[in-house]
């Protein structure tokens, strides 16, 4: 009965964690049983762990910090203010401290910064029975996760790998070098985390060894580390596509000033862009004055172009992130989007013409030139949707070529560009088709 009550407390803390102040969090955390506290602490992200540790007493802090794997401890160190980092490094034992310092030498977003330096290793000249005993010893004393066993020489060069199943299924007297797999998928220590995510997806592995330029093994990146990376990358891309800089922390933890700073830049750029739309409309104010009905369909047309552009941009950015589309594929993508944009524009154009004709028949809304007006709307929709699709698909390639993040080709940015050109396309079409009638 007591166990059920404790589990309920743990669930409640999970649910309320985001609402609690820093002081309340440490109080609630201390009320958990040892087992639940260990489970809960391991679930927290590095930022929450760092804040929790800073509220603890020195003895508590040492206990919890030493319970962490070196890669997790390194993540916490990176979340701390510069002046506190040495204090926390000193909490670790000498071996762990050296491992943490080695990890901190890497950037956070490369394979070396994500890896754990603790992994199961054996020598090629060991027998299977010797290797099993050695792996068992490592599991007890050193290694927290064993997905694969790696075979290294005396200079730590990676020679091969084998799974636990392969090790236990082999005859005891066999040498490791006789049963190991020599074709091992590896990641360079400087490999970007996005490339690493794609490698995991392609190879369907639970862990990938990280090696330096001389093929010396430095550590492993496990699939649970990659899940965290995928979540962070997706969050960052979605925020950028929404027209804001990526937040470095959870929404409710961001300060008001940081939130304003992150959003003001792009919002200002987009506002300036929309001023061009206003300028374009001012250029055609004579046409609008002669035929006010033209203004009725303007939002419909430019929003359709913006929506088409946003669709194309989203599809291409995601394909780039997954490695499905490369810079050299831009011609193929542009050709596809021209055809797709034309087809989509025709669909919307036909609907637009029918809408104008039907409303004239039912309500006599547009006068004797309704058919010409409908054709103007239809042709404009075809042109604007095709232009929007082309712009939305091409812009990510331009940004990637300029070494910017393609996610910056955000939905509002594409929509703003298409708004300006949509106004020009619509009124230029109207000038040609309606001159002498409505204009």
Protein backbone atom coordinates (compact mmCIF):
# COMPACT_ATOMS: atom_id res chain seq x y z
CA UNK A 1 0.00 0.00 0.00
CA UNK A 2 2.85 2.36 0.88
CA UNK A 3 4.48 1.63 -2.50
CA UNK A 4 1.31 2.68 -4.34
CA UNK A 5 1.21 5.94 -2.34
CA UNK A 6 4.86 6.68 -3.20
CA UNK A 7 4.22 6.04 -6.91
CA UNK A 8 1.27 8.42 -6.77
CA UNK A 9 3.51 11.11 -5.24
CA UNK A 10 5.99 10.58 -8.06
CA UNK A 11 3.27 10.93 -10.70
CA UNK A 12 1.96 14.07 -9.04
CA UNK A 13 5.43 15.60 -9.00
CA UNK A 14 5.86 14.84 -12.69
CA UNK A 15 2.57 16.58 -13.45
CA UNK A 16 3.27 19.63 -11.28
CA UNK A 17 6.99 20.06 -11.98
CA UNK A 18 6.55 22.85 -14.51
CA UNK A 19 4.37 24.87 -12.12
CA UNK A 20 6.69 24.73 -9.11
CA UNK A 21 9.27 27.34 -8.15
CA UNK A 22 12.90 26.28 -7.73
CA UNK A 23 12.52 26.24 -3.94
CA UNK A 24 9.34 24.14 -4.12
CA UNK A 25 11.01 21.66 -6.45
CA UNK A 26 13.79 20.77 -4.03
CA UNK A 27 11.26 20.37 -1.18
CA UNK A 28 9.09 18.01 -3.24
CA UNK A 29 12.12 16.13 -4.54
CA UNK A 30 13.37 15.46 -1.01
CA UNK A 31 10.01 13.90 -0.08
CA UNK A 32 10.45 11.11 -2.66
CA UNK A 33 11.80 7.71 -1.68
CA UNK A 34 15.37 6.95 -2.78
CA UNK A 35 14.25 4.73 -5.66
CA UNK A 36 11.68 7.24 -6.93
CA UNK A 37 14.11 10.12 -6.55
CA UNK A 38 16.70 8.25 -8.66
CA UNK A 39 14.10 7.50 -11.32
CA UNK A 40 12.82 11.06 -11.39
CA UNK A 41 16.28 12.66 -11.41
CA UNK A 42 17.33 10.54 -14.38
CA UNK A 43 14.23 11.69 -16.31
CA UNK A 44 14.99 15.41 -15.93
CA UNK A 45 16.74 17.37 -18.65
CA UNK A 46 20.20 18.80 -17.95
CA UNK A 47 18.88 22.29 -17.20
CA UNK A 48 16.43 21.04 -14.55
CA UNK A 49 19.10 18.77 -13.06
CA UNK A 50 21.53 21.69 -12.83
CA UNK A 51 18.98 23.92 -11.10
CA UNK A 52 18.04 21.15 -8.69
CA UNK A 53 21.68 20.46 -7.80
CA UNK A 54 22.28 24.13 -7.04
CA UNK A 55 19.50 24.01 -4.41
CA UNK A 56 21.00 21.00 -2.62
CA UNK A 57 23.40 20.87 0.29
CA UNK A 58 27.03 20.09 -0.49
CA UNK A 59 26.71 16.43 0.59
CA UNK A 60 23.50 15.95 -1.44
CA UNK A 61 25.07 17.60 -4.45
CA UNK A 62 28.12 15.34 -4.32
CA UNK A 63 25.94 12.22 -4.01
CA UNK A 64 23.68 13.07 -6.94
CA UNK A 65 26.41 14.42 -9.20
CA UNK A 66 28.48 11.25 -8.71
CA UNK A 67 25.46 9.13 -9.65
CA UNK A 68 25.57 10.54 -13.19
CA UNK A 69 27.32 9.06 -16.20
CA UNK A 70 30.17 11.27 -17.51
CA UNK A 71 28.20 12.45 -20.57
CA UNK A 72 25.21 13.43 -18.43
CA UNK A 73 27.50 15.20 -15.96
CA UNK A 74 29.11 17.10 -18.85
CA UNK A 75 25.66 18.24 -20.02
CA UNK A 76 24.96 19.63 -16.55
CA UNK A 77 28.33 21.41 -16.41
CA UNK A 78 27.48 23.16 -19.68
CA UNK A 79 24.22 24.45 -18.19
CA UNK A 80 26.00 26.02 -15.21
CA UNK A 81 27.40 29.56 -15.02
CA UNK A 82 31.10 29.69 -15.91
CA UNK A 83 32.17 30.55 -12.36
CA UNK A 84 30.51 27.42 -10.90
CA UNK A 85 31.83 24.82 -13.30
CA UNK A 86 35.09 24.04 -11.48
CA UNK A 87 33.20 23.63 -8.20
CA UNK A 88 31.04 20.92 -9.76
CA UNK A 89 33.92 19.25 -11.57
CA UNK A 90 35.63 18.87 -8.20
CA UNK A 91 32.64 16.83 -6.97
CA UNK A 92 33.55 13.96 -9.32
CA UNK A 93 36.24 11.38 -8.68
CA UNK A 94 39.52 11.72 -10.59
CA UNK A 95 38.61 9.24 -13.35
CA UNK A 96 35.18 10.68 -13.99
CA UNK A 97 36.55 14.23 -13.85
CA UNK A 98 39.04 13.50 -16.62
CA UNK A 99 36.27 11.91 -18.71
CA UNK A 100 34.04 14.96 -18.23
CA UNK A 101 36.84 17.37 -19.15
CA UNK A 102 37.51 15.36 -22.33
CA UNK A 103 33.82 15.57 -23.28
CA UNK A 104 33.68 19.31 -22.60
CA UNK A 105 36.39 19.82 -25.21
CA UNK A 106 33.84 18.98 -27.91
CA UNK A 107 31.02 21.18 -29.16
CA UNK A 108 27.62 20.20 -27.81
CA UNK A 109 26.17 19.42 -31.25
CA UNK A 110 28.81 16.97 -32.54
CA UNK A 111 29.20 13.24 -31.94
CA UNK A 112 32.05 13.77 -29.48
CA UNK A 113 29.87 16.02 -27.34
CA UNK A 114 27.05 13.46 -27.28
CA UNK A 115 29.03 10.28 -26.64
CA UNK A 116 29.59 8.33 -23.47
CA UNK A 117 33.22 7.31 -22.88
CA UNK A 118 32.10 4.20 -21.00
CA UNK A 119 31.44 1.17 -23.15
CA UNK A 120 32.13 -2.58 -23.09
CA UNK A 121 35.43 -3.52 -24.69
CA UNK A 122 37.46 -6.68 -25.17
CA UNK A 123 40.75 -7.66 -26.81
CA UNK A 124 40.83 -9.68 -30.05
CA UNK A 125 43.05 -12.43 -28.55
CA UNK A 126 40.63 -13.22 -25.68
CA UNK A 127 38.64 -16.44 -25.70
CA UNK A 128 34.85 -16.20 -25.51
CA UNK A 129 34.82 -17.38 -21.87
CA UNK A 130 37.47 -14.79 -20.93
CA UNK A 131 35.54 -12.07 -22.74
CA UNK A 132 32.29 -12.96 -20.96
CA UNK A 133 33.98 -12.72 -17.57
CA UNK A 134 35.59 -9.41 -18.52
CA UNK A 135 32.33 -7.92 -19.81
CA UNK A 136 30.56 -9.03 -16.62
CA UNK A 137 33.24 -7.23 -14.58
CA UNK A 138 32.81 -4.05 -16.66
CA UNK A 139 29.03 -4.16 -16.25
CA UNK A 140 29.38 -4.25 -12.47
CA UNK A 141 32.11 -1.64 -12.10
CA UNK A 142 32.11 0.70 -15.05
CA UNK A 143 29.62 0.42 -17.92
CA UNK A 144 26.03 1.60 -17.58
CA UNK A 145 24.78 0.42 -20.99
CA UNK A 146 25.84 -2.60 -23.03
CA UNK A 147 24.27 -2.82 -26.48
CA UNK A 148 27.38 -4.05 -28.27
CA UNK A 149 30.90 -5.15 -27.27
CA UNK A 150 33.77 -3.46 -29.09
CA UNK A 151 37.06 -5.10 -29.94
CA UNK A 152 40.10 -2.82 -29.52
CA UNK A 153 43.82 -3.29 -29.89
CA UNK A 154 46.39 -2.03 -27.35
CA UNK A 155 46.29 1.48 -28.88
CA UNK A 156 42.46 1.66 -28.73
CA UNK A 157 41.95 1.25 -32.48
CA UNK A 158 38.53 -0.22 -33.27
CA UNK A 159 38.97 -3.65 -34.88
CA UNK A 160 35.44 -5.03 -34.72
CA UNK A 161 32.26 -5.45 -32.71
CA UNK A 162 29.76 -8.11 -31.67
CA UNK A 163 26.45 -8.25 -29.88
CA UNK A 164 25.85 -9.88 -26.50
CA UNK A 165 23.86 -12.60 -28.27
CA UNK A 166 26.77 -13.38 -30.59
CA UNK A 167 29.16 -13.50 -27.64
CA UNK A 168 27.04 -15.84 -25.52
CA UNK A 169 26.15 -18.08 -28.48
CA UNK A 170 29.81 -18.69 -29.47
CA UNK A 171 31.83 -21.69 -28.22
CA UNK A 172 33.87 -20.89 -25.09
CA UNK A 173 37.21 -21.71 -26.67
CA UNK A 174 36.77 -19.51 -29.75
CA UNK A 175 38.86 -16.35 -30.00
CA UNK A 176 37.05 -13.01 -30.23
CA UNK A 177 38.86 -12.15 -33.46
CA UNK A 178 37.28 -15.24 -35.04
CA UNK A 179 33.69 -14.23 -34.28
CA UNK A 180 33.76 -10.41 -34.35
CA UNK A 181 32.21 -8.35 -37.14
CA UNK A 182 34.86 -6.21 -38.82
CA UNK A 183 32.45 -4.13 -40.91
CA UNK A 184 31.48 -1.68 -38.15
CA UNK A 185 29.45 1.49 -38.76
CA UNK A 186 31.25 4.38 -37.04
CA UNK A 187 30.83 8.13 -36.55
CA UNK A 188 33.66 10.64 -36.68
CA UNK A 189 34.07 12.55 -33.42
CA UNK A 190 33.32 15.84 -35.23
CA UNK A 191 30.21 14.56 -37.06
CA UNK A 192 27.31 17.00 -36.74
CA UNK A 193 24.38 15.72 -34.69
CA UNK A 194 21.98 16.02 -37.64
CA UNK A 195 24.18 13.70 -39.72
CA UNK A 196 24.38 11.37 -36.72
CA UNK A 197 20.59 11.25 -36.49
CA UNK A 198 20.41 10.27 -40.17
CA UNK A 199 23.05 7.58 -39.62
CA UNK A 200 21.02 6.03 -36.80
CA UNK A 201 17.89 6.12 -38.95
CA UNK A 202 19.64 4.50 -41.93
CA UNK A 203 21.46 1.76 -40.02
CA UNK A 204 18.80 1.00 -37.35
CA UNK A 205 21.40 0.57 -34.59
CA UNK A 206 21.10 0.91 -30.81
CA UNK A 207 24.57 2.45 -30.47
CA UNK A 208 27.26 3.77 -32.79
CA UNK A 209 30.97 3.95 -31.87
CA UNK A 210 32.69 7.33 -32.16
CA UNK A 211 36.23 7.34 -33.54
CA UNK A 212 38.90 9.95 -34.24
CA UNK A 213 40.75 10.49 -37.53
CA UNK A 214 43.06 7.54 -36.78
CA UNK A 215 40.14 5.20 -35.99
CA UNK A 216 40.86 5.18 -32.26
CA UNK A 217 37.64 4.65 -30.37
CA UNK A 218 36.56 7.54 -28.14
CA UNK A 219 33.10 6.46 -26.97
CA UNK A 220 29.58 5.50 -28.05
CA UNK A 221 26.42 7.43 -28.86
CA UNK A 222 23.31 5.48 -27.86
CA UNK A 223 19.84 5.64 -29.32
CA UNK A 224 18.39 7.31 -26.21
CA UNK A 225 20.85 10.18 -26.71
CA UNK A 226 19.64 10.49 -30.30
CA UNK A 227 15.99 10.62 -29.20
CA UNK A 228 16.87 13.72 -27.18
CA UNK A 229 18.69 15.23 -30.17
CA UNK A 230 15.74 14.58 -32.50
CA UNK A 231 13.40 16.28 -30.04
CA UNK A 232 15.71 19.31 -29.72
CA UNK A 233 16.24 19.60 -33.48
CA UNK A 234 12.51 19.30 -34.23
CA UNK A 235 11.69 21.93 -31.60
CA UNK A 236 14.32 24.29 -32.99
CA UNK A 237 13.14 23.86 -36.58
CA UNK A 238 9.48 24.35 -35.68
CA UNK A 239 10.29 27.53 -33.77
CA UNK A 240 12.32 28.88 -36.67
CA UNK A 241 9.61 28.01 -39.16
CA UNK A 242 7.20 29.97 -36.98
CA UNK A 243 9.26 33.10 -37.57
CA UNK A 244 11.28 33.26 -34.35
CA UNK A 245 14.79 32.42 -33.23
CA UNK A 246 15.08 29.07 -31.46
CA UNK A 247 14.58 29.27 -27.70
CA UNK A 248 17.41 27.77 -25.65
CA UNK A 249 15.11 26.58 -22.85
CA UNK A 250 11.48 25.54 -22.25
CA UNK A 251 8.89 28.21 -23.06
CA UNK A 252 7.82 28.88 -19.48
CA UNK A 253 11.44 29.08 -18.32
CA UNK A 254 12.42 31.78 -20.82
CA UNK A 255 12.63 35.30 -19.43
CA UNK A 256 10.36 37.97 -20.87
CA UNK A 257 13.31 39.94 -22.22
CA UNK A 258 14.75 36.83 -23.89
CA UNK A 259 11.37 36.01 -25.43
CA UNK A 260 11.02 39.54 -26.85
CA UNK A 261 14.58 39.52 -28.19
CA UNK A 262 14.13 36.16 -29.90
CA UNK A 263 10.91 37.24 -31.60
CA UNK A 264 11.52 40.91 -32.37
CA UNK A 265 14.17 40.41 -35.06
CA UNK A 266 12.18 38.28 -37.46
CA UNK A 267 8.96 40.14 -36.65
CA UNK A 268 10.64 43.40 -37.68
CA UNK A 269 11.93 41.86 -40.91
CA UNK A 270 8.47 40.51 -41.72
CA UNK A 271 6.88 43.86 -40.92
CA UNK A 272 9.24 45.62 -43.31
CA UNK A 273 8.35 42.99 -45.90
CA UNK A 274 4.65 43.64 -45.44
CA UNK A 275 5.34 47.37 -45.93
CA UNK A 276 6.40 46.44 -49.47
CA UNK A 277 2.97 44.82 -49.89
CA UNK A 278 1.36 48.08 -48.80
CA UNK A 279 3.57 49.97 -51.28
CA UNK A 280 2.55 47.60 -54.07
CA UNK A 281 -1.13 48.13 -53.27
CA UNK A 282 -0.62 51.91 -53.21
CA UNK A 283 0.84 51.64 -56.70
CA UNK A 284 -2.46 50.12 -57.88
CA UNK A 285 -4.79 52.41 -55.94
CA UNK A 286 -6.11 53.82 -59.22
CA UNK A 287 -7.26 50.37 -60.34
CA UNK A 288 -8.80 49.71 -56.91
CA UNK A 289 -10.66 53.04 -57.06
CA UNK A 290 -12.10 52.17 -60.48
CA UNK A 291 -13.08 48.62 -59.51
CA UNK A 292 -13.38 48.20 -55.75
CA UNK A 293 -14.49 44.61 -56.34
CA UNK A 294 -10.87 43.74 -57.21
CA UNK A 295 -9.88 44.34 -53.57
CA UNK A 296 -12.42 41.75 -52.41
CA UNK A 297 -10.44 38.90 -53.98
CA UNK A 298 -6.96 40.16 -53.08
CA UNK A 299 -6.69 38.40 -49.66
CA UNK A 300 -7.97 35.17 -51.24
CA UNK A 301 -5.32 35.21 -53.93
CA UNK A 302 -2.26 36.20 -51.94
CA UNK A 303 -3.11 33.89 -49.03
CA UNK A 304 -3.45 30.96 -51.47
CA UNK A 305 0.02 31.74 -52.83
CA UNK A 306 1.42 32.02 -49.30
CA UNK A 307 -0.16 28.72 -48.28
CA UNK A 308 1.25 26.95 -51.34
CA UNK A 309 4.68 28.42 -50.66
CA UNK A 310 4.55 27.36 -47.02
CA UNK A 311 3.63 23.81 -48.03
CA UNK A 312 6.51 23.59 -50.50
CA UNK A 313 8.99 25.13 -48.04
CA UNK A 314 7.98 22.73 -45.25
CA UNK A 315 8.27 19.67 -47.51
CA UNK A 316 11.69 20.65 -48.84
CA UNK A 317 13.11 21.64 -45.43
CA UNK A 318 12.00 18.34 -43.92
CA UNK A 319 13.41 16.39 -46.88
CA UNK A 320 16.72 18.20 -46.39
CA UNK A 321 16.72 17.39 -42.67
CA UNK A 322 16.19 13.70 -43.43
CA UNK A 323 18.89 13.68 -46.10
CA UNK A 324 16.36 12.89 -48.85
CA UNK A 325 17.22 16.07 -50.76
CA UNK A 326 20.69 17.55 -51.32
CA UNK A 327 21.86 20.86 -52.80
CA UNK A 328 22.50 19.17 -56.14
CA UNK A 329 18.82 18.14 -56.36
CA UNK A 330 17.56 21.72 -56.70
CA UNK A 331 16.69 21.40 -60.40
CA UNK A 332 14.60 18.28 -59.84
CA UNK A 333 12.80 19.89 -56.91
CA UNK A 334 12.09 23.09 -58.88
CA UNK A 335 10.72 21.11 -61.84
CA UNK A 336 8.45 19.11 -59.54
CA UNK A 337 7.17 22.22 -57.78
CA UNK A 338 6.47 24.06 -61.04
CA UNK A 339 4.30 21.17 -62.20
CA UNK A 340 2.72 20.74 -58.75
CA UNK A 341 2.12 24.48 -58.43
CA UNK A 342 0.51 24.61 -61.86
CA UNK A 343 -1.81 21.71 -61.04
CA UNK A 344 -2.73 23.13 -57.64
CA UNK A 345 -3.23 26.59 -59.14
CA UNK A 346 -5.54 25.17 -61.80
CA UNK A 347 -7.63 23.45 -59.14
CA UNK A 348 -7.97 26.66 -57.11
CA UNK A 349 -8.39 28.75 -60.26
CA UNK A 350 -11.34 26.70 -61.44
CA UNK A 351 -12.93 26.98 -57.99
CA UNK A 352 -12.32 30.75 -58.06
CA UNK A 353 -13.99 31.19 -61.47
CA UNK A 354 -16.96 29.06 -60.43
CA UNK A 355 -17.32 31.05 -57.23
CA UNK A 356 -17.54 34.40 -59.09
CA UNK A 357 -19.94 33.05 -61.75
CA UNK A 358 -22.15 31.30 -59.19
CA UNK A 359 -22.37 34.38 -56.93
CA UNK A 360 -23.32 36.50 -59.96
CA UNK A 361 -26.07 34.05 -60.87
CA UNK A 362 -27.42 33.86 -57.31
CA UNK A 363 -26.91 37.38 -55.98
CA UNK A 364 -25.97 39.55 -59.02
CA UNK A 365 -22.89 40.71 -57.11
CA UNK A 366 -20.44 41.59 -59.89
CA UNK A 367 -22.38 43.04 -62.81
CA UNK A 368 -22.08 42.39 -66.56
CA UNK A 369 -18.34 41.74 -66.47
CA UNK A 370 -18.52 38.94 -63.90
CA UNK A 371 -17.10 36.31 -66.27
CA UNK A 372 -14.06 38.48 -67.08
CA UNK A 373 -13.59 39.11 -63.36
CA UNK A 374 -13.81 35.38 -62.66
CA UNK A 375 -11.23 34.59 -65.35
CA UNK A 376 -8.94 37.28 -63.89
CA UNK A 377 -9.23 35.71 -60.45
CA UNK A 378 -8.68 32.22 -61.87
CA UNK A 379 -5.58 33.11 -63.90
CA UNK A 380 -4.15 35.08 -60.98
CA UNK A 381 -4.62 32.08 -58.69
CA UNK A 382 -2.79 29.81 -61.12
CA UNK A 383 0.12 32.23 -61.42
CA UNK A 384 0.36 33.12 -57.71
CA UNK A 385 0.10 29.51 -56.47
CA UNK A 386 2.72 28.37 -58.97
CA UNK A 387 5.00 31.27 -57.96
CA UNK A 388 4.43 30.52 -54.27
CA UNK A 389 5.32 26.84 -54.75
CA UNK A 390 8.44 27.77 -56.70
CA UNK A 391 9.54 30.35 -54.10
CA UNK A 392 8.85 28.06 -51.15
CA UNK A 393 10.84 25.20 -52.66
CA UNK A 394 13.78 27.25 -53.96
CA UNK A 395 14.40 29.46 -50.92
CA UNK A 396 15.68 26.61 -48.65
CA UNK A 397 18.32 25.77 -51.29
CA UNK A 398 19.45 29.40 -51.41
CA UNK A 399 19.73 29.57 -47.62
CA UNK A 400 21.60 26.24 -47.43
CA UNK A 401 24.00 27.45 -50.15
CA UNK A 402 24.64 30.61 -48.11
CA UNK A 403 25.36 28.44 -45.02
CA UNK A 404 22.16 29.49 -43.22
CA UNK A 405 19.66 27.13 -41.61
CA UNK A 406 16.96 26.28 -44.23
CA UNK A 407 14.39 26.33 -41.42
CA UNK A 408 14.82 30.11 -41.55
CA UNK A 409 12.75 29.94 -44.74
CA UNK A 410 9.87 30.10 -42.34
CA UNK A 411 6.19 30.05 -43.17
CA UNK A 412 5.67 33.77 -42.50
CA UNK A 413 8.82 34.72 -44.44
CA UNK A 414 7.71 32.81 -47.54
CA UNK A 415 4.18 34.17 -47.15
CA UNK A 416 5.47 37.75 -46.94
CA UNK A 417 7.51 37.35 -50.12
CA UNK A 418 4.55 35.88 -51.97
CA UNK A 419 2.22 38.62 -50.67
CA UNK A 420 4.24 41.32 -52.44
CA UNK A 421 4.55 39.46 -55.73
CA UNK A 422 0.91 38.28 -55.47
CA UNK A 423 -0.34 41.87 -55.48
CA UNK A 424 1.74 42.64 -58.60
CA UNK A 425 0.61 39.47 -60.40
CA UNK A 426 -3.07 40.02 -59.59
CA UNK A 427 -3.30 43.65 -60.65
CA UNK A 428 -1.09 43.12 -63.71
CA UNK A 429 -3.48 40.36 -64.83
CA UNK A 430 -6.46 42.61 -64.12
CA UNK A 431 -4.91 45.44 -66.18
CA UNK A 432 -4.61 43.12 -69.16
CA UNK A 433 -8.00 41.36 -68.95
CA UNK A 434 -10.25 44.09 -67.56
CA UNK A 435 -8.95 47.15 -69.43
CA UNK A 436 -11.84 48.78 -71.24
CA UNK A 437 -14.45 47.05 -69.08
CA UNK A 438 -14.03 47.35 -65.33
CA UNK A 439 -10.78 49.33 -65.67
